[in-house]
Amino acid sequence: MRPPSSCAKCGGNLSAGFIVDQGYGIAEASKWQDGEPRSVWYGGVKMSKNDQFGITTFRCERCGYLESYALA
C-alpha cells in the first residue's frame, strides 16, 4: 500500500510524522501489534516484537486531520 498523497477530508497537503508514546522516563514512537491484547500478571499486555509494525501518521497541513498507517 502506498501512503496517501492528499487529505481524505479536505484535499490538503500531508506531512509524515509519528505519535509519541511516553512512559516512565522514556519516549518512543507508537507501534501496531498484531492480534488481541492478552493480559499478564503484572498488569501489562503480552507483546511480540516480531508481530509489531511502526506507525506512520500523516497530518493534514490545512485541517489537521490525522491518518495512520502501519506500513511494513
N, C-alpha and C. Protein backbone atom coordinates (compact mmCIF):
# COMPACT_ATOMS: atom_id res chain seq x y z
N MET A 1 0.83 -1.18 0.00
CA MET A 1 0.00 0.00 0.00
C MET A 1 0.87 1.24 0.00
N ARG A 2 0.46 2.22 -0.77
CA ARG A 2 1.19 3.48 -0.84
C ARG A 2 0.59 4.47 0.15
N PRO A 3 1.43 5.31 0.74
CA PRO A 3 0.92 6.34 1.65
C PRO A 3 0.02 7.30 0.87
N PRO A 4 -0.89 7.97 1.56
CA PRO A 4 -1.78 8.91 0.88
C PRO A 4 -1.01 10.11 0.33
N SER A 5 -1.51 10.69 -0.75
CA SER A 5 -0.85 11.87 -1.33
C SER A 5 -1.55 13.16 -0.94
N SER A 6 -2.82 13.07 -0.51
CA SER A 6 -3.55 14.25 -0.08
C SER A 6 -4.57 13.85 0.98
N CYS A 7 -5.06 14.84 1.72
CA CYS A 7 -6.00 14.61 2.81
C CYS A 7 -7.32 14.04 2.30
N ALA A 8 -7.82 13.01 2.96
CA ALA A 8 -9.09 12.38 2.59
C ALA A 8 -10.28 13.28 2.92
N LYS A 9 -10.11 14.24 3.82
CA LYS A 9 -11.22 15.10 4.25
C LYS A 9 -11.32 16.39 3.42
N CYS A 10 -10.16 17.05 3.18
CA CYS A 10 -10.22 18.36 2.52
C CYS A 10 -9.33 18.49 1.30
N GLY A 11 -8.49 17.47 1.03
CA GLY A 11 -7.60 17.51 -0.13
C GLY A 11 -6.31 18.26 0.10
N GLY A 12 -6.05 18.70 1.34
CA GLY A 12 -4.84 19.46 1.66
C GLY A 12 -3.58 18.60 1.61
N ASN A 13 -2.42 19.25 1.75
CA ASN A 13 -1.13 18.57 1.77
C ASN A 13 -0.93 17.83 3.08
N LEU A 14 -0.25 16.68 3.01
CA LEU A 14 0.01 15.87 4.19
C LEU A 14 1.49 15.91 4.56
N SER A 15 1.75 15.92 5.86
CA SER A 15 3.11 15.81 6.40
C SER A 15 3.21 14.52 7.18
N ALA A 16 4.29 13.75 6.94
CA ALA A 16 4.51 12.49 7.66
C ALA A 16 5.11 12.78 9.02
N GLY A 17 4.72 11.98 10.01
CA GLY A 17 5.26 12.10 11.35
C GLY A 17 4.95 10.85 12.15
N PHE A 18 4.95 10.96 13.48
CA PHE A 18 4.64 9.82 14.32
C PHE A 18 4.02 10.29 15.62
N ILE A 19 3.32 9.40 16.29
CA ILE A 19 2.70 9.68 17.58
C ILE A 19 3.62 9.16 18.67
N VAL A 20 3.86 9.98 19.68
CA VAL A 20 4.79 9.65 20.76
C VAL A 20 4.06 8.92 21.88
N ASP A 21 4.62 7.78 22.30
CA ASP A 21 4.17 7.07 23.50
C ASP A 21 5.16 7.40 24.60
N GLN A 22 4.67 7.98 25.69
CA GLN A 22 5.56 8.34 26.80
C GLN A 22 5.25 7.48 28.01
N GLY A 23 6.33 7.04 28.65
CA GLY A 23 6.19 6.22 29.85
C GLY A 23 7.14 6.72 30.92
N TYR A 24 7.53 5.85 31.80
CA TYR A 24 8.41 6.18 32.92
C TYR A 24 9.80 6.58 32.43
N GLY A 25 9.98 7.86 32.11
CA GLY A 25 11.27 8.37 31.69
C GLY A 25 11.69 7.97 30.28
N ILE A 26 10.76 7.54 29.45
CA ILE A 26 11.10 7.11 28.10
C ILE A 26 10.03 7.60 27.12
N ALA A 27 10.45 7.93 25.93
CA ALA A 27 9.53 8.33 24.86
C ALA A 27 9.89 7.51 23.63
N GLU A 28 8.87 6.89 23.02
CA GLU A 28 9.08 6.06 21.83
C GLU A 28 8.00 6.36 20.81
N ALA A 29 8.24 5.97 19.56
CA ALA A 29 7.21 6.06 18.53
C ALA A 29 6.23 4.90 18.73
N SER A 30 4.95 5.16 18.50
CA SER A 30 3.92 4.12 18.66
C SER A 30 4.14 2.98 17.66
N LYS A 31 3.70 1.79 18.05
CA LYS A 31 3.79 0.61 17.19
C LYS A 31 2.43 -0.08 17.17
N TRP A 32 2.14 -0.76 16.07
CA TRP A 32 0.93 -1.57 15.93
C TRP A 32 1.30 -3.01 16.23
N GLN A 33 0.51 -3.68 17.08
CA GLN A 33 0.75 -5.07 17.47
C GLN A 33 -0.33 -5.95 16.89
N ASP A 34 0.04 -6.99 16.18
CA ASP A 34 -0.91 -7.94 15.60
C ASP A 34 -1.59 -8.75 16.71
N GLY A 35 -2.87 -9.06 16.53
CA GLY A 35 -3.60 -9.93 17.46
C GLY A 35 -4.34 -9.19 18.54
N GLU A 36 -5.01 -9.95 19.40
CA GLU A 36 -5.78 -9.42 20.52
C GLU A 36 -4.86 -9.21 21.73
N PRO A 37 -5.12 -8.18 22.55
CA PRO A 37 -4.30 -7.99 23.75
C PRO A 37 -4.53 -9.11 24.76
N ARG A 38 -3.44 -9.60 25.34
CA ARG A 38 -3.51 -10.63 26.39
C ARG A 38 -2.83 -10.09 27.63
N SER A 39 -3.57 -10.04 28.72
CA SER A 39 -3.05 -9.51 29.98
C SER A 39 -2.00 -10.44 30.57
N VAL A 40 -1.05 -9.82 31.27
CA VAL A 40 -0.04 -10.57 32.01
C VAL A 40 -0.20 -10.22 33.49
N TRP A 41 0.37 -11.03 34.36
CA TRP A 41 0.12 -10.92 35.79
C TRP A 41 0.52 -9.58 36.40
N TYR A 42 1.48 -8.86 35.84
CA TYR A 42 1.93 -7.60 36.44
C TYR A 42 1.18 -6.38 35.91
N GLY A 43 0.11 -6.59 35.13
CA GLY A 43 -0.76 -5.50 34.73
C GLY A 43 -0.55 -4.97 33.32
N GLY A 44 0.40 -5.48 32.59
CA GLY A 44 0.63 -5.03 31.22
C GLY A 44 -0.05 -5.95 30.22
N VAL A 45 0.42 -5.94 29.00
CA VAL A 45 -0.07 -6.85 27.97
C VAL A 45 1.12 -7.58 27.35
N LYS A 46 0.89 -8.81 26.96
CA LYS A 46 1.93 -9.63 26.33
C LYS A 46 2.12 -9.14 24.90
N MET A 47 3.40 -8.97 24.50
CA MET A 47 3.73 -8.49 23.17
C MET A 47 4.82 -9.34 22.54
N SER A 48 4.83 -9.34 21.22
CA SER A 48 5.89 -10.00 20.47
C SER A 48 6.47 -8.99 19.49
N LYS A 49 7.74 -8.68 19.61
CA LYS A 49 8.37 -7.70 18.71
C LYS A 49 8.33 -8.15 17.26
N ASN A 50 8.24 -9.47 17.03
CA ASN A 50 8.16 -9.97 15.65
C ASN A 50 6.83 -9.64 15.00
N ASP A 51 5.80 -9.32 15.81
CA ASP A 51 4.47 -9.02 15.29
C ASP A 51 4.12 -7.54 15.40
N GLN A 52 5.15 -6.67 15.44
CA GLN A 52 4.91 -5.24 15.56
C GLN A 52 5.37 -4.50 14.31
N PHE A 53 4.65 -3.42 14.00
CA PHE A 53 5.00 -2.56 12.87
C PHE A 53 5.00 -1.12 13.36
N GLY A 54 5.98 -0.36 12.91
CA GLY A 54 6.00 1.06 13.23
C GLY A 54 4.82 1.77 12.56
N ILE A 55 4.29 2.78 13.23
CA ILE A 55 3.15 3.52 12.71
C ILE A 55 3.63 4.87 12.17
N THR A 56 3.26 5.17 10.94
CA THR A 56 3.49 6.48 10.36
C THR A 56 2.15 7.20 10.34
N THR A 57 2.12 8.40 10.86
CA THR A 57 0.88 9.18 10.90
C THR A 57 1.06 10.41 10.02
N PHE A 58 0.09 10.63 9.15
CA PHE A 58 0.11 11.78 8.26
C PHE A 58 -0.86 12.83 8.80
N ARG A 59 -0.42 14.08 8.84
CA ARG A 59 -1.23 15.20 9.34
C ARG A 59 -1.48 16.18 8.21
N CYS A 60 -2.76 16.52 8.04
CA CYS A 60 -3.12 17.50 7.02
C CYS A 60 -2.69 18.88 7.48
N GLU A 61 -1.96 19.59 6.62
CA GLU A 61 -1.49 20.93 6.96
C GLU A 61 -2.63 21.96 6.95
N ARG A 62 -3.74 21.64 6.30
CA ARG A 62 -4.86 22.57 6.21
C ARG A 62 -5.86 22.37 7.36
N CYS A 63 -6.35 21.14 7.56
CA CYS A 63 -7.43 20.92 8.53
C CYS A 63 -6.99 20.16 9.79
N GLY A 64 -5.77 19.60 9.81
CA GLY A 64 -5.26 18.90 10.99
C GLY A 64 -5.69 17.44 11.10
N TYR A 65 -6.42 16.94 10.12
CA TYR A 65 -6.86 15.53 10.15
C TYR A 65 -5.63 14.61 10.21
N LEU A 66 -5.72 13.55 11.04
CA LEU A 66 -4.65 12.57 11.17
C LEU A 66 -5.09 11.25 10.55
N GLU A 67 -4.17 10.63 9.81
CA GLU A 67 -4.43 9.32 9.21
C GLU A 67 -3.19 8.47 9.44
N SER A 68 -3.35 7.32 10.11
CA SER A 68 -2.21 6.49 10.50
C SER A 68 -2.15 5.19 9.70
N TYR A 69 -0.92 4.75 9.43
CA TYR A 69 -0.67 3.52 8.69
C TYR A 69 0.45 2.75 9.38
N ALA A 70 0.30 1.43 9.43
CA ALA A 70 1.36 0.54 9.92
C ALA A 70 2.00 -0.09 8.69
N LEU A 71 2.88 0.65 8.04
CA LEU A 71 3.49 0.21 6.80
C LEU A 71 4.64 -0.76 7.09
N ALA A 72 4.64 -1.87 6.40
CA ALA A 72 5.70 -2.86 6.61
C ALA A 72 6.89 -2.56 5.74
